[in-house]
């Protein structure tokens, strides 16, 4: 009798279109936004709406960052020069 080991689907966790680490970023922005809107509610309704607007803008920027940078960290080497070797035919070199 053996035990089955569930290895998952090897896909990132997705929640409302956010993937992996960006879920935690959005939760942090929403948490800070709720606290800031409660603090700004002392000013009045406009302060509360301002706090919620800043929160919505932060979540929007997280969506944009996810689309631009992707889920995984990748090093981008934009200033490199790529040199591809010329293919040598084996027929010519054998003779």
N, C-alpha and C. Protein backbone atom coordinates (compact mmCIF):
# COMPACT_ATOMS: atom_id res chain seq x y z
N UNK A 1 0.84 -1.16 0.00
CA UNK A 1 0.00 0.00 0.00
C UNK A 1 0.90 1.24 0.00
N UNK A 2 0.69 2.09 -0.98
CA UNK A 2 1.52 3.28 -1.08
C UNK A 2 0.70 4.54 -0.86
N UNK A 3 1.41 5.60 -0.71
CA UNK A 3 0.79 6.90 -0.54
C UNK A 3 1.00 7.72 -1.79
N UNK A 4 -0.04 8.41 -2.22
CA UNK A 4 0.06 9.24 -3.39
C UNK A 4 0.53 10.64 -2.98
N UNK A 5 1.47 11.15 -3.73
CA UNK A 5 2.00 12.48 -3.46
C UNK A 5 1.47 13.43 -4.51
N UNK A 6 0.72 14.43 -4.06
CA UNK A 6 0.16 15.41 -4.98
C UNK A 6 1.22 16.46 -5.25
N UNK A 7 1.63 16.56 -6.50
CA UNK A 7 2.69 17.50 -6.86
C UNK A 7 2.14 18.80 -7.44
N UNK A 8 0.85 18.95 -7.52
CA UNK A 8 0.27 20.19 -8.04
C UNK A 8 0.26 20.19 -9.56
N UNK A 9 -0.21 21.27 -10.10
CA UNK A 9 -0.32 21.39 -11.55
C UNK A 9 0.85 22.16 -12.16
N UNK A 10 1.78 22.59 -11.33
CA UNK A 10 2.94 23.38 -11.77
C UNK A 10 2.51 24.65 -12.49
N UNK A 11 1.43 25.23 -12.02
CA UNK A 11 0.95 26.49 -12.55
C UNK A 11 0.82 27.46 -11.39
N UNK A 12 1.00 28.75 -11.66
CA UNK A 12 0.90 29.71 -10.56
C UNK A 12 -0.53 29.87 -10.07
N UNK A 13 -0.64 30.27 -8.83
CA UNK A 13 -1.94 30.55 -8.23
C UNK A 13 -2.53 31.79 -8.90
N UNK A 14 -3.80 31.72 -9.31
CA UNK A 14 -4.45 32.85 -9.98
C UNK A 14 -5.68 33.24 -9.18
N UNK A 15 -5.81 34.55 -8.90
CA UNK A 15 -6.95 35.06 -8.14
C UNK A 15 -7.35 36.39 -8.75
N UNK A 16 -8.53 36.44 -9.35
CA UNK A 16 -9.05 37.64 -10.01
C UNK A 16 -8.08 38.20 -11.05
N UNK A 17 -7.39 37.34 -11.76
CA UNK A 17 -6.47 37.79 -12.81
C UNK A 17 -5.07 38.08 -12.33
N UNK A 18 -4.85 38.09 -11.03
CA UNK A 18 -3.51 38.30 -10.48
C UNK A 18 -2.85 36.95 -10.26
N UNK A 19 -1.56 36.87 -10.53
CA UNK A 19 -0.86 35.59 -10.41
C UNK A 19 0.24 35.68 -9.37
N UNK A 20 0.41 34.60 -8.65
CA UNK A 20 1.54 34.42 -7.74
C UNK A 20 1.79 35.56 -6.78
N UNK A 21 2.98 36.14 -6.88
CA UNK A 21 3.40 37.16 -5.92
C UNK A 21 2.58 38.44 -6.01
N UNK A 22 1.96 38.69 -7.16
CA UNK A 22 1.18 39.91 -7.32
C UNK A 22 -0.11 39.87 -6.51
N UNK A 23 -0.56 38.69 -6.11
CA UNK A 23 -1.72 38.58 -5.23
C UNK A 23 -1.38 39.21 -3.87
N UNK A 24 -0.19 38.90 -3.36
CA UNK A 24 0.23 39.44 -2.07
C UNK A 24 0.44 40.95 -2.15
N UNK A 25 0.96 41.42 -3.28
CA UNK A 25 1.12 42.87 -3.46
C UNK A 25 -0.24 43.56 -3.42
N UNK A 26 -1.22 42.98 -4.11
CA UNK A 26 -2.55 43.59 -4.16
C UNK A 26 -3.22 43.56 -2.79
N UNK A 27 -3.04 42.48 -2.06
CA UNK A 27 -3.63 42.40 -0.72
C UNK A 27 -3.00 43.47 0.18
N UNK A 28 -1.71 43.69 0.06
CA UNK A 28 -1.05 44.72 0.84
C UNK A 28 -1.55 46.11 0.48
N UNK A 29 -1.70 46.38 -0.82
CA UNK A 29 -2.19 47.69 -1.26
C UNK A 29 -3.63 47.90 -0.79
N UNK A 30 -4.45 46.88 -0.86
CA UNK A 30 -5.84 47.00 -0.42
C UNK A 30 -5.90 47.22 1.10
N UNK A 31 -5.07 46.50 1.85
CA UNK A 31 -5.05 46.69 3.30
C UNK A 31 -4.62 48.10 3.69
N UNK A 32 -3.56 48.59 3.06
CA UNK A 32 -3.11 49.95 3.34
C UNK A 32 -4.16 50.95 2.88
N UNK A 33 -4.83 50.67 1.77
CA UNK A 33 -5.86 51.58 1.26
C UNK A 33 -7.05 51.69 2.19
N UNK A 34 -7.45 50.57 2.77
CA UNK A 34 -8.58 50.60 3.71
C UNK A 34 -8.21 51.40 4.95
N UNK A 35 -7.01 51.18 5.46
CA UNK A 35 -6.57 51.92 6.63
C UNK A 35 -6.46 53.41 6.32
N UNK A 36 -5.92 53.74 5.14
CA UNK A 36 -5.78 55.15 4.78
C UNK A 36 -7.14 55.81 4.56
N UNK A 37 -8.07 55.08 3.96
CA UNK A 37 -9.39 55.68 3.75
C UNK A 37 -10.12 55.88 5.08
N UNK A 38 -9.88 54.98 6.06
CA UNK A 38 -10.46 55.19 7.39
C UNK A 38 -9.82 56.40 8.08
N UNK A 39 -8.52 56.56 7.88
CA UNK A 39 -7.85 57.71 8.49
C UNK A 39 -8.29 59.00 7.81
N UNK A 40 -8.44 58.96 6.50
CA UNK A 40 -8.85 60.15 5.78
C UNK A 40 -10.35 60.45 5.94
N UNK A 41 -11.10 59.50 6.47
CA UNK A 41 -12.53 59.74 6.68
C UNK A 41 -12.76 60.77 7.78
N UNK A 42 -11.72 61.04 8.56
CA UNK A 42 -11.82 62.10 9.58
C UNK A 42 -12.01 63.45 8.91
N UNK A 43 -11.48 63.57 7.67
CA UNK A 43 -11.65 64.81 6.90
C UNK A 43 -13.09 64.92 6.41
N UNK A 44 -13.62 63.79 6.03
CA UNK A 44 -14.99 63.78 5.54
C UNK A 44 -15.13 62.77 4.42
N UNK A 45 -16.23 62.87 3.69
CA UNK A 45 -16.50 61.95 2.60
C UNK A 45 -15.47 62.07 1.49
N UNK A 46 -15.01 63.26 1.21
CA UNK A 46 -14.04 63.46 0.13
C UNK A 46 -12.72 62.78 0.47
N UNK A 47 -12.30 62.85 1.72
CA UNK A 47 -11.08 62.17 2.14
C UNK A 47 -11.19 60.66 2.00
N UNK A 48 -12.34 60.14 2.37
CA UNK A 48 -12.57 58.70 2.25
C UNK A 48 -12.55 58.26 0.79
N UNK A 49 -13.20 59.03 -0.08
CA UNK A 49 -13.19 58.71 -1.51
C UNK A 49 -11.80 58.85 -2.10
N UNK A 50 -11.03 59.80 -1.61
CA UNK A 50 -9.65 59.97 -2.08
C UNK A 50 -8.82 58.75 -1.72
N UNK A 51 -8.97 58.24 -0.50
CA UNK A 51 -8.26 57.03 -0.08
C UNK A 51 -8.63 55.82 -0.91
N UNK A 52 -9.91 55.67 -1.21
CA UNK A 52 -10.34 54.54 -2.04
C UNK A 52 -9.86 54.69 -3.48
N UNK A 53 -9.79 55.93 -3.97
CA UNK A 53 -9.28 56.17 -5.32
C UNK A 53 -7.80 55.83 -5.44
N UNK A 54 -7.04 56.18 -4.41
CA UNK A 54 -5.62 55.85 -4.40
C UNK A 54 -5.43 54.34 -4.34
N UNK A 55 -6.28 53.65 -3.60
CA UNK A 55 -6.22 52.18 -3.52
C UNK A 55 -6.52 51.56 -4.88
N UNK A 56 -7.54 52.04 -5.55
CA UNK A 56 -7.89 51.51 -6.88
C UNK A 56 -6.76 51.77 -7.87
N UNK A 57 -6.14 52.93 -7.77
CA UNK A 57 -5.00 53.23 -8.65
C UNK A 57 -3.82 52.31 -8.38
N UNK A 58 -3.58 51.99 -7.11
CA UNK A 58 -2.49 51.08 -6.76
C UNK A 58 -2.71 49.68 -7.30
N UNK A 59 -3.94 49.18 -7.20
CA UNK A 59 -4.24 47.84 -7.73
C UNK A 59 -4.12 47.85 -9.26
N UNK A 60 -4.53 48.94 -9.89
CA UNK A 60 -4.39 49.06 -11.35
C UNK A 60 -2.91 49.02 -11.75
N UNK A 61 -2.07 49.70 -11.01
CA UNK A 61 -0.64 49.68 -11.31
C UNK A 61 -0.03 48.30 -11.11
N UNK A 62 -0.55 47.54 -10.16
CA UNK A 62 -0.07 46.17 -9.97
C UNK A 62 -0.45 45.31 -11.17
N UNK A 63 -1.67 45.48 -11.70
CA UNK A 63 -2.05 44.75 -12.91
C UNK A 63 -1.14 45.10 -14.07
N UNK A 64 -0.82 46.38 -14.23
CA UNK A 64 0.05 46.80 -15.32
C UNK A 64 1.46 46.25 -15.14
N UNK A 65 1.95 46.24 -13.90
CA UNK A 65 3.29 45.72 -13.66
C UNK A 65 3.35 44.23 -13.97
N UNK A 66 2.29 43.50 -13.64
CA UNK A 66 2.25 42.07 -13.92
C UNK A 66 2.29 41.83 -15.43
N UNK A 67 1.58 42.66 -16.19
CA UNK A 67 1.57 42.49 -17.63
C UNK A 67 2.91 42.83 -18.25
N UNK A 68 3.59 43.83 -17.70
CA UNK A 68 4.85 44.29 -18.28
C UNK A 68 6.03 43.41 -17.90
N UNK A 69 6.14 43.09 -16.62
CA UNK A 69 7.33 42.38 -16.13
C UNK A 69 7.15 40.88 -16.04
N UNK A 70 5.94 40.40 -15.98
CA UNK A 70 5.72 38.97 -15.91
C UNK A 70 5.80 38.44 -14.49
N UNK A 71 5.61 37.15 -14.36
CA UNK A 71 5.53 36.54 -13.04
C UNK A 71 6.90 36.23 -12.46
N UNK A 72 7.85 35.88 -13.30
CA UNK A 72 9.15 35.44 -12.82
C UNK A 72 10.20 36.50 -13.10
N UNK A 73 11.22 36.54 -12.26
CA UNK A 73 12.31 37.49 -12.46
C UNK A 73 13.20 37.00 -13.59
N UNK A 74 13.42 37.84 -14.54
CA UNK A 74 14.28 37.51 -15.67
C UNK A 74 15.28 38.63 -15.83
N UNK A 75 16.53 38.26 -16.08
CA UNK A 75 17.52 39.30 -16.33
C UNK A 75 17.42 39.72 -17.79
N UNK A 76 17.36 41.01 -17.99
CA UNK A 76 17.28 41.53 -19.34
C UNK A 76 18.62 42.15 -19.69
N UNK A 77 19.22 41.64 -20.73
CA UNK A 77 20.49 42.15 -21.19
C UNK A 77 20.25 42.82 -22.53
N UNK A 78 19.87 44.09 -22.48
CA UNK A 78 19.51 44.79 -23.70
C UNK A 78 20.71 45.35 -24.44
N UNK A 79 21.85 45.47 -23.77
CA UNK A 79 23.02 46.07 -24.40
C UNK A 79 24.01 45.03 -24.90
N UNK A 80 23.59 43.81 -25.09
CA UNK A 80 24.48 42.77 -25.56
C UNK A 80 24.46 42.69 -27.07
N UNK A 81 25.57 42.23 -27.61
CA UNK A 81 25.68 41.98 -29.04
C UNK A 81 25.74 40.47 -29.22
N UNK A 82 24.85 39.95 -30.03
CA UNK A 82 24.80 38.52 -30.27
C UNK A 82 25.51 38.21 -31.57
N UNK A 83 26.45 37.28 -31.53
CA UNK A 83 27.18 36.85 -32.72
C UNK A 83 26.86 35.38 -32.93
N UNK A 84 26.25 35.10 -34.06
CA UNK A 84 25.91 33.72 -34.38
C UNK A 84 26.95 33.18 -35.35
N UNK A 85 27.52 32.01 -35.06
CA UNK A 85 28.54 31.47 -35.96
C UNK A 85 27.92 31.03 -37.28
N UNK A 86 28.70 31.17 -38.32
CA UNK A 86 28.25 30.75 -39.64
C UNK A 86 28.25 29.23 -39.69
N UNK A 87 27.21 28.69 -40.29
CA UNK A 87 27.13 27.23 -40.39
C UNK A 87 28.13 26.75 -41.44
N UNK A 88 28.89 25.75 -41.07
CA UNK A 88 29.90 25.18 -41.96
C UNK A 88 29.35 23.87 -42.51
N UNK A 89 29.41 23.76 -43.80
CA UNK A 89 28.95 22.53 -44.42
C UNK A 89 29.99 21.43 -44.22
N UNK A 90 29.55 20.27 -43.82
CA UNK A 90 30.48 19.17 -43.56
C UNK A 90 31.00 18.57 -44.85
N UNK A 91 30.28 18.67 -45.93
CA UNK A 91 30.72 18.09 -47.20
C UNK A 91 31.98 18.79 -47.72
N UNK A 92 32.04 20.08 -47.56
CA UNK A 92 33.20 20.83 -48.05
C UNK A 92 34.43 20.58 -47.19
N UNK A 93 34.26 20.40 -45.92
CA UNK A 93 35.42 20.21 -45.05
C UNK A 93 36.00 18.81 -45.15
N UNK A 94 35.21 17.82 -45.50
CA UNK A 94 35.70 16.43 -45.60
C UNK A 94 36.57 16.28 -46.84
N UNK A 95 36.23 16.89 -47.92
CA UNK A 95 36.96 16.68 -49.18
C UNK A 95 38.27 17.32 -49.19
